[in-house]
Amino acid sequence: MLFSIAVSPAFQGAGHGLAMLRWLEGKAREWATPEIRLYTNARMERNVALYRAFGFQETGRRPNPYRPGWTLVGMAKKIVAA
């Protein structure tokens, strides 16, 4: 489960987020983890698009129990053994 990933606004767009996702995917292969899961806010459309471009698929949406009016987007990516 990917809990949190963030890039400072001053450094966004330089590939740092993708580098972190690649690192995580390598670790998942090393640990023989079958998939990576994450949740993001539906309002963060750029994040959802980035995760989709990286191979994540949406697994569902649900209300955020801690932030009324917000929607969580569940996403997962299958990890293929090296």
PDB file of N, CA and C in Angstrom:
ATOM      1  N   MET A   1       0.856  -1.176   0.000  1.00  0.00           N
ATOM      2  CA  MET A   1       0.000   0.000   0.000  1.00  0.00           C
ATOM      3  C   MET A   1       0.893   1.227   0.000  1.00  0.00           C
ATOM      4  N   LEU A   2       0.711   2.061  -0.974  1.00  0.00           N
ATOM      5  CA  LEU A   2       1.407   3.345  -1.027  1.00  0.00           C
ATOM      6  C   LEU A   2       0.598   4.313  -0.188  1.00  0.00           C
ATOM      7  N   PHE A   3       1.172   4.787   0.902  1.00  0.00           N
ATOM      8  CA  PHE A   3       0.434   5.657   1.814  1.00  0.00           C
ATOM      9  C   PHE A   3       0.439   7.105   1.349  1.00  0.00           C
ATOM     10  N   SER A   4       1.607   7.600   0.996  1.00  0.00           N
ATOM     11  CA  SER A   4       1.668   9.005   0.599  1.00  0.00           C
ATOM     12  C   SER A   4       2.869   9.243  -0.303  1.00  0.00           C
ATOM     13  N   ILE A   5       2.641  10.042  -1.320  1.00  0.00           N
ATOM     14  CA  ILE A   5       3.726  10.459  -2.208  1.00  0.00           C
ATOM     15  C   ILE A   5       3.446  11.916  -2.571  1.00  0.00           C
ATOM     16  N   ALA A   6       4.455  12.729  -2.488  1.00  0.00           N
ATOM     17  CA  ALA A   6       4.267  14.150  -2.786  1.00  0.00           C
ATOM     18  C   ALA A   6       5.571  14.756  -3.283  1.00  0.00           C
ATOM     19  N   VAL A   7       5.422  15.733  -4.151  1.00  0.00           N
ATOM     20  CA  VAL A   7       6.563  16.481  -4.671  1.00  0.00           C
ATOM     21  C   VAL A   7       6.267  17.953  -4.429  1.00  0.00           C
ATOM     22  N   SER A   8       7.216  18.646  -3.872  1.00  0.00           N
ATOM     23  CA  SER A   8       7.065  20.074  -3.622  1.00  0.00           C
ATOM     24  C   SER A   8       6.692  20.795  -4.917  1.00  0.00           C
ATOM     25  N   PRO A   9       5.764  21.740  -4.852  1.00  0.00           N
ATOM     26  CA  PRO A   9       5.350  22.457  -6.072  1.00  0.00           C
ATOM     27  C   PRO A   9       6.526  23.025  -6.869  1.00  0.00           C
ATOM     28  N   ALA A  10       7.569  23.439  -6.198  1.00  0.00           N
ATOM     29  CA  ALA A  10       8.720  24.014  -6.890  1.00  0.00           C
ATOM     30  C   ALA A  10       9.453  22.983  -7.757  1.00  0.00           C
ATOM     31  N   PHE A  11       9.241  21.699  -7.479  1.00  0.00           N
ATOM     32  CA  PHE A  11       9.957  20.649  -8.195  1.00  0.00           C
ATOM     33  C   PHE A  11       9.041  19.759  -9.036  1.00  0.00           C
ATOM     34  N   GLN A  12       7.761  20.089  -9.106  1.00  0.00           N
ATOM     35  CA  GLN A  12       6.827  19.286  -9.891  1.00  0.00           C
ATOM     36  C   GLN A  12       7.118  19.428 -11.376  1.00  0.00           C
ATOM     37  N   GLY A  13       6.827  18.360 -12.104  1.00  0.00           N
ATOM     38  CA  GLY A  13       7.026  18.378 -13.553  1.00  0.00           C
ATOM     39  C   GLY A  13       8.419  17.979 -13.991  1.00  0.00           C
ATOM     40  N   ALA A  14       9.281  17.636 -13.031  1.00  0.00           N
ATOM     41  CA  ALA A  14      10.659  17.267 -13.371  1.00  0.00           C
ATOM     42  C   ALA A  14      10.883  15.758 -13.320  1.00  0.00           C
ATOM     43  N   GLY A  15       9.820  14.973 -13.114  1.00  0.00           N
ATOM     44  CA  GLY A  15       9.956  13.522 -13.115  1.00  0.00           C
ATOM     45  C   GLY A  15      10.213  12.890 -11.759  1.00  0.00           C
ATOM     46  N   HIS A  16      10.197  13.682 -10.699  1.00  0.00           N
ATOM     47  CA  HIS A  16      10.481  13.128  -9.365  1.00  0.00           C
ATOM     48  C   HIS A  16       9.405  12.146  -8.908  1.00  0.00           C
ATOM     49  N   GLY A  17       8.136  12.453  -9.173  1.00  0.00           N
ATOM     50  CA  GLY A  17       7.051  11.546  -8.803  1.00  0.00           C
ATOM     51  C   GLY A  17       7.175  10.210  -9.515  1.00  0.00           C
ATOM     52  N   LEU A  18       7.460  10.245 -10.810  1.00  0.00           N
ATOM     53  CA  LEU A  18       7.646   9.006 -11.571  1.00  0.00           C
ATOM     54  C   LEU A  18       8.859   8.230 -11.070  1.00  0.00           C
ATOM     55  N   ALA A  19       9.916   8.935 -10.687  1.00  0.00           N
ATOM     56  CA  ALA A  19      11.101   8.258 -10.143  1.00  0.00           C
ATOM     57  C   ALA A  19      10.743   7.518  -8.852  1.00  0.00           C
ATOM     58  N   MET A  20       9.929   8.141  -8.011  1.00  0.00           N
ATOM     59  CA  MET A  20       9.511   7.477  -6.777  1.00  0.00           C
ATOM     60  C   MET A  20       8.633   6.265  -7.078  1.00  0.00           C
ATOM     61  N   LEU A  21       7.737   6.383  -8.061  1.00  0.00           N
ATOM     62  CA  LEU A  21       6.893   5.250  -8.431  1.00  0.00           C
ATOM     63  C   LEU A  21       7.722   4.107  -9.006  1.00  0.00           C
ATOM     64  N   ARG A  22       8.725   4.431  -9.805  1.00  0.00           N
ATOM     65  CA  ARG A  22       9.609   3.389 -10.365  1.00  0.00           C
ATOM     66  C   ARG A  22      10.373   2.682  -9.248  1.00  0.00           C
ATOM     67  N   TRP A  23      10.857   3.468  -8.272  1.00  0.00           N
ATOM     68  CA  TRP A  23      11.567   2.892  -7.133  1.00  0.00           C
ATOM     69  C   TRP A  23      10.638   1.942  -6.373  1.00  0.00           C
ATOM     70  N   LEU A  24       9.409   2.386  -6.110  1.00  0.00           N
ATOM     71  CA  LEU A  24       8.438   1.571  -5.395  1.00  0.00           C
ATOM     72  C   LEU A  24       8.138   0.283  -6.165  1.00  0.00           C
ATOM     73  N   GLU A  25       7.975   0.384  -7.472  1.00  0.00           N
ATOM     74  CA  GLU A  25       7.699  -0.795  -8.275  1.00  0.00           C
ATOM     75  C   GLU A  25       8.865  -1.787  -8.204  1.00  0.00           C
ATOM     76  N   GLY A  26      10.081  -1.281  -8.231  1.00  0.00           N
ATOM     77  CA  GLY A  26      11.258  -2.150  -8.085  1.00  0.00           C
ATOM     78  C   GLY A  26      11.271  -2.855  -6.742  1.00  0.00           C
ATOM     79  N   LYS A  27      10.931  -2.136  -5.689  1.00  0.00           N
ATOM     80  CA  LYS A  27      10.866  -2.733  -4.354  1.00  0.00           C
ATOM     81  C   LYS A  27       9.778  -3.795  -4.293  1.00  0.00           C
ATOM     82  N   ALA A  28       8.623  -3.518  -4.912  1.00  0.00           N
ATOM     83  CA  ALA A  28       7.530  -4.495  -4.917  1.00  0.00           C
ATOM     84  C   ALA A  28       7.977  -5.785  -5.611  1.00  0.00           C
ATOM     85  N   ARG A  29       8.733  -5.662  -6.706  1.00  0.00           N
ATOM     86  CA  ARG A  29       9.254  -6.859  -7.380  1.00  0.00           C
ATOM     87  C   ARG A  29      10.251  -7.590  -6.474  1.00  0.00           C
ATOM     88  N   GLU A  30      11.124  -6.827  -5.839  1.00  0.00           N
ATOM     89  CA  GLU A  30      12.133  -7.401  -4.937  1.00  0.00           C
ATOM     90  C   GLU A  30      11.453  -8.177  -3.801  1.00  0.00           C
ATOM     91  N   TRP A  31      10.365  -7.648  -3.299  1.00  0.00           N
ATOM     92  CA  TRP A  31       9.648  -8.269  -2.176  1.00  0.00           C
ATOM     93  C   TRP A  31       8.612  -9.281  -2.644  1.00  0.00           C
ATOM     94  N   ALA A  32       8.509  -9.508  -3.953  1.00  0.00           N
ATOM     95  CA  ALA A  32       7.532 -10.429  -4.545  1.00  0.00           C
ATOM     96  C   ALA A  32       6.102 -10.055  -4.166  1.00  0.00           C
ATOM     97  N   THR A  33       5.833  -8.760  -4.162  1.00  0.00           N
ATOM     98  CA  THR A  33       4.498  -8.254  -3.877  1.00  0.00           C
ATOM     99  C   THR A  33       3.664  -8.329  -5.157  1.00  0.00           C
ATOM    100  N   PRO A  34       2.458  -8.907  -5.089  1.00  0.00           N
ATOM    101  CA  PRO A  34       1.679  -9.069  -6.321  1.00  0.00           C
ATOM    102  C   PRO A  34       1.072  -7.786  -6.874  1.00  0.00           C
ATOM    103  N   GLU A  35       0.896  -6.759  -6.028  1.00  0.00           N
ATOM    104  CA  GLU A  35       0.329  -5.504  -6.522  1.00  0.00           C
ATOM    105  C   GLU A  35       0.653  -4.362  -5.575  1.00  0.00           C
ATOM    106  N   ILE A  36       0.544  -3.152  -6.118  1.00  0.00           N
ATOM    107  CA  ILE A  36       0.661  -1.926  -5.329  1.00  0.00           C
ATOM    108  C   ILE A  36      -0.719  -1.293  -5.324  1.00  0.00           C
ATOM    109  N   ARG A  37      -1.173  -0.872  -4.167  1.00  0.00           N
ATOM    110  CA  ARG A  37      -2.464  -0.190  -4.056  1.00  0.00           C
ATOM    111  C   ARG A  37      -2.246   1.216  -3.528  1.00  0.00           C
ATOM    112  N   LEU A  38      -3.145   2.104  -3.887  1.00  0.00           N
ATOM    113  CA  LEU A  38      -3.100   3.462  -3.364  1.00  0.00           C
ATOM    114  C   LEU A  38      -4.485   4.067  -3.403  1.00  0.00           C
ATOM    115  N   TYR A  39      -4.639   5.136  -2.663  1.00  0.00           N
ATOM    116  CA  TYR A  39      -5.863   5.938  -2.691  1.00  0.00           C
ATOM    117  C   TYR A  39      -5.467   7.377  -2.925  1.00  0.00           C
ATOM    118  N   THR A  40      -6.276   8.086  -3.674  1.00  0.00           N
ATOM    119  CA  THR A  40      -6.060   9.511  -3.883  1.00  0.00           C
ATOM    120  C   THR A  40      -7.409  10.205  -3.907  1.00  0.00           C
ATOM    121  N   ASN A  41      -7.383  11.495  -3.782  1.00  0.00           N
ATOM    122  CA  ASN A  41      -8.600  12.284  -3.796  1.00  0.00           C
ATOM    123  C   ASN A  41      -9.069  12.455  -5.242  1.00  0.00           C
ATOM    124  N   ALA A  42     -10.354  12.273  -5.487  1.00  0.00           N
ATOM    125  CA  ALA A  42     -10.893  12.413  -6.844  1.00  0.00           C
ATOM    126  C   ALA A  42     -10.646  13.806  -7.417  1.00  0.00           C
ATOM    127  N   ARG A  43     -10.540  14.813  -6.562  1.00  0.00           N
ATOM    128  CA  ARG A  43     -10.284  16.176  -7.042  1.00  0.00           C
ATOM    129  C   ARG A  43      -8.877  16.337  -7.602  1.00  0.00           C
ATOM    130  N   MET A  44      -7.982  15.425  -7.267  1.00  0.00           N
ATOM    131  CA  MET A  44      -6.596  15.496  -7.739  1.00  0.00           C
ATOM    132  C   MET A  44      -6.494  14.786  -9.084  1.00  0.00           C
ATOM    133  N   GLU A  45      -7.133  15.377 -10.084  1.00  0.00           N
ATOM    134  CA  GLU A  45      -7.235  14.757 -11.399  1.00  0.00           C
ATOM    135  C   GLU A  45      -5.879  14.506 -12.042  1.00  0.00           C
ATOM    136  N   ARG A  46      -4.920  15.392 -11.807  1.00  0.00           N
ATOM    137  CA  ARG A  46      -3.577  15.191 -12.374  1.00  0.00           C
ATOM    138  C   ARG A  46      -2.921  13.952 -11.766  1.00  0.00           C
ATOM    139  N   ASN A  47      -3.149  13.722 -10.477  1.00  0.00           N
ATOM    140  CA  ASN A  47      -2.589  12.531  -9.832  1.00  0.00           C
ATOM    141  C   ASN A  47      -3.219  11.269 -10.406  1.00  0.00           C
ATOM    142  N   VAL A  48      -4.545  11.281 -10.541  1.00  0.00           N
ATOM    143  CA  VAL A  48      -5.243  10.122 -11.108  1.00  0.00           C
ATOM    144  C   VAL A  48      -4.707   9.843 -12.503  1.00  0.00           C
ATOM    145  N   ALA A  49      -4.532  10.864 -13.311  1.00  0.00           N
ATOM    146  CA  ALA A  49      -4.003  10.699 -14.675  1.00  0.00           C
ATOM    147  C   ALA A  49      -2.573  10.153 -14.654  1.00  0.00           C
ATOM    148  N   LEU A  50      -1.741  10.652 -13.736  1.00  0.00           N
ATOM    149  CA  LEU A  50      -0.363  10.176 -13.624  1.00  0.00           C
ATOM    150  C   LEU A  50      -0.345   8.694 -13.264  1.00  0.00           C
ATOM    151  N   TYR A  51      -1.138   8.310 -12.269  1.00  0.00           N
ATOM    152  CA  TYR A  51      -1.169   6.906 -11.865  1.00  0.00           C
ATOM    153  C   TYR A  51      -1.674   6.013 -12.997  1.00  0.00           C
ATOM    154  N   ARG A  52      -2.686   6.466 -13.721  1.00  0.00           N
ATOM    155  CA  ARG A  52      -3.181   5.681 -14.867  1.00  0.00           C
ATOM    156  C   ARG A  52      -2.090   5.523 -15.924  1.00  0.00           C
ATOM    157  N   ALA A  53      -1.390   6.602 -16.217  1.00  0.00           N
ATOM    158  CA  ALA A  53      -0.311   6.550 -17.204  1.00  0.00           C
ATOM    159  C   ALA A  53       0.801   5.607 -16.768  1.00  0.00           C
ATOM    160  N   PHE A  54       0.957   5.429 -15.460  1.00  0.00           N
ATOM    161  CA  PHE A  54       1.988   4.543 -14.918  1.00  0.00           C
ATOM    162  C   PHE A  54       1.490   3.098 -14.805  1.00  0.00           C
ATOM    163  N   GLY A  55       0.256   2.833 -15.203  1.00  0.00           N
ATOM    164  CA  GLY A  55      -0.239   1.463 -15.220  1.00  0.00           C
ATOM    165  C   GLY A  55      -1.226   1.101 -14.121  1.00  0.00           C
ATOM    166  N   PHE A  56      -1.582   2.062 -13.283  1.00  0.00           N
ATOM    167  CA  PHE A  56      -2.574   1.791 -12.244  1.00  0.00           C
ATOM    168  C   PHE A  56      -3.966   1.795 -12.872  1.00  0.00           C
ATOM    169  N   GLN A  57      -4.851   0.978 -12.305  1.00  0.00           N
ATOM    170  CA  GLN A  57      -6.238   0.954 -12.738  1.00  0.00           C
ATOM    171  C   GLN A  57      -7.123   1.301 -11.552  1.00  0.00           C
ATOM    172  N   GLU A  58      -8.181   2.008 -11.829  1.00  0.00           N
ATOM    173  CA  GLU A  58      -9.106   2.392 -10.764  1.00  0.00           C
ATOM    174  C   GLU A  58      -9.843   1.152 -10.269  1.00  0.00           C
ATOM    175  N   THR A  59      -9.934   1.020  -8.944  1.00  0.00           N
ATOM    176  CA  THR A  59     -10.621  -0.128  -8.340  1.00  0.00           C
ATOM    177  C   THR A  59     -11.945   0.265  -7.691  1.00  0.00           C
ATOM    178  N   GLY A  60     -12.196   1.560  -7.564  1.00  0.00           N
ATOM    179  CA  GLY A  60     -13.456   2.004  -6.983  1.00  0.00           C
ATOM    180  C   GLY A  60     -13.348   3.391  -6.384  1.00  0.00           C
ATOM    181  N   ARG A  61     -14.494   3.932  -6.070  1.00  0.00           N
ATOM    182  CA  ARG A  61     -14.581   5.254  -5.432  1.00  0.00           C
ATOM    183  C   ARG A  61     -15.493   5.149  -4.228  1.00  0.00           C
ATOM    184  N   ARG A  62     -15.158   5.910  -3.188  1.00  0.00           N
ATOM    185  CA  ARG A  62     -15.985   5.917  -1.985  1.00  0.00           C
ATOM    186  C   ARG A  62     -15.824   7.250  -1.272  1.00  0.00           C
ATOM    187  N   PRO A  63     -16.793   7.630  -0.474  1.00  0.00           N
ATOM    188  CA  PRO A  63     -16.669   8.875   0.283  1.00  0.00           C
ATOM    189  C   PRO A  63     -15.502   8.778   1.269  1.00  0.00           C
ATOM    190  N   ASN A  64     -14.799   9.872   1.444  1.00  0.00           N
ATOM    191  CA  ASN A  64     -13.725   9.925   2.439  1.00  0.00           C
ATOM    192  C   ASN A  64     -14.376  10.074   3.811  1.00  0.00           C
ATOM    193  N   PRO A  65     -14.177   9.104   4.703  1.00  0.00           N
ATOM    194  CA  PRO A  65     -14.848   9.156   6.003  1.00  0.00           C
ATOM    195  C   PRO A  65     -14.349  10.286   6.901  1.00  0.00           C
ATOM    196  N   TYR A  66     -13.185  10.841   6.597  1.00  0.00           N
ATOM    197  CA  TYR A  66     -12.605  11.892   7.430  1.00  0.00           C
ATOM    198  C   TYR A  66     -12.776  13.293   6.862  1.00  0.00           C
ATOM    199  N   ARG A  67     -13.188  13.385   5.611  1.00  0.00           N
ATOM    200  CA  ARG A  67     -13.363  14.686   4.949  1.00  0.00           C
ATOM    201  C   ARG A  67     -14.679  14.692   4.188  1.00  0.00           C
ATOM    202  N   PRO A  68     -15.739  15.140   4.828  1.00  0.00           N
ATOM    203  CA  PRO A  68     -17.053  15.152   4.166  1.00  0.00           C
ATOM    204  C   PRO A  68     -17.005  15.899   2.833  1.00  0.00           C
ATOM    205  N   GLY A  69     -17.642  15.315   1.822  1.00  0.00           N
ATOM    206  CA  GLY A  69     -17.681  15.926   0.499  1.00  0.00           C
ATOM    207  C   GLY A  69     -16.542  15.500  -0.403  1.00  0.00           C
ATOM    208  N   TRP A  70     -15.534  14.845   0.135  1.00  0.00           N
ATOM    209  CA  TRP A  70     -14.406  14.383  -0.670  1.00  0.00           C
ATOM    210  C   TRP A  70     -14.632  12.929  -1.059  1.00  0.00           C
ATOM    211  N   THR A  71     -14.072  12.530  -2.176  1.00  0.00           N
ATOM    212  CA  THR A  71     -14.197  11.160  -2.669  1.00  0.00           C
ATOM    213  C   THR A  71     -12.809  10.552  -2.842  1.00  0.00           C
ATOM    214  N   LEU A  72     -12.627   9.357  -2.311  1.00  0.00           N
ATOM    215  CA  LEU A  72     -11.373   8.625  -2.473  1.00  0.00           C
ATOM    216  C   LEU A  72     -11.459   7.763  -3.723  1.00  0.00           C
ATOM    217  N   VAL A  73     -10.382   7.751  -4.474  1.00  0.00           N
ATOM    218  CA  VAL A  73     -10.259   6.898  -5.653  1.00  0.00           C
ATOM    219  C   VAL A  73      -9.252   5.813  -5.311  1.00  0.00           C
ATOM    220  N   GLY A  74      -9.702   4.563  -5.307  1.00  0.00           N
ATOM    221  CA  GLY A  74      -8.791   3.445  -5.082  1.00  0.00           C
ATOM    222  C   GLY A  74      -8.181   3.041  -6.409  1.00  0.00           C
ATOM    223  N   MET A  75      -6.875   2.746  -6.372  1.00  0.00           N
ATOM    224  CA  MET A  75      -6.170   2.336  -7.590  1.00  0.00           C
ATOM    225  C   MET A  75      -5.217   1.205  -7.245  1.00  0.00           C
ATOM    226  N   ALA A  76      -4.943   0.356  -8.223  1.00  0.00           N
ATOM    227  CA  ALA A  76      -4.016  -0.756  -8.025  1.00  0.00           C
ATOM    228  C   ALA A  76      -3.236  -1.022  -9.303  1.00  0.00           C
ATOM    229  N   LYS A  77      -2.031  -1.543  -9.113  1.00  0.00           N
ATOM    230  CA  LYS A  77      -1.194  -1.936 -10.248  1.00  0.00           C
ATOM    231  C   LYS A  77      -0.637  -3.314  -9.960  1.00  0.00           C
ATOM    232  N   LYS A  78      -0.868  -4.246 -10.879  1.00  0.00           N
ATOM    233  CA  LYS A  78      -0.308  -5.594 -10.764  1.00  0.00           C
ATOM    234  C   LYS A  78       1.204  -5.528 -11.011  1.00  0.00           C
ATOM    235  N   ILE A  79       1.938  -6.284 -10.251  1.00  0.00           N
ATOM    236  CA  ILE A  79       3.384  -6.322 -10.389  1.00  0.00           C
ATOM    237  C   ILE A  79       3.775  -7.647 -11.021  1.00  0.00           C
ATOM    238  N   VAL A  80       4.446  -7.567 -12.142  1.00  0.00           N
ATOM    239  CA  VAL A  80       4.903  -8.759 -12.864  1.00  0.00           C
ATOM    240  C   VAL A  80       6.315  -9.082 -12.377  1.00  0.00           C
ATOM    241  N   ALA A  81       6.539 -10.333 -12.022  1.00  0.00           N
ATOM    242  CA  ALA A  81       7.853 -10.747 -11.548  1.00  0.00           C
ATOM    243  C   ALA A  81       8.906 -10.501 -12.629  1.00  0.00           C
ATOM    244  N   ALA A  82      10.094 -10.107 -12.175  1.00  0.00           N
ATOM    245  CA  ALA A  82      11.186  -9.817 -13.127  1.00  0.00           C
ATOM    246  C   ALA A  82      11.734 -11.070 -13.740  1.00  0.00           C
TER     247      ALA A  82
END
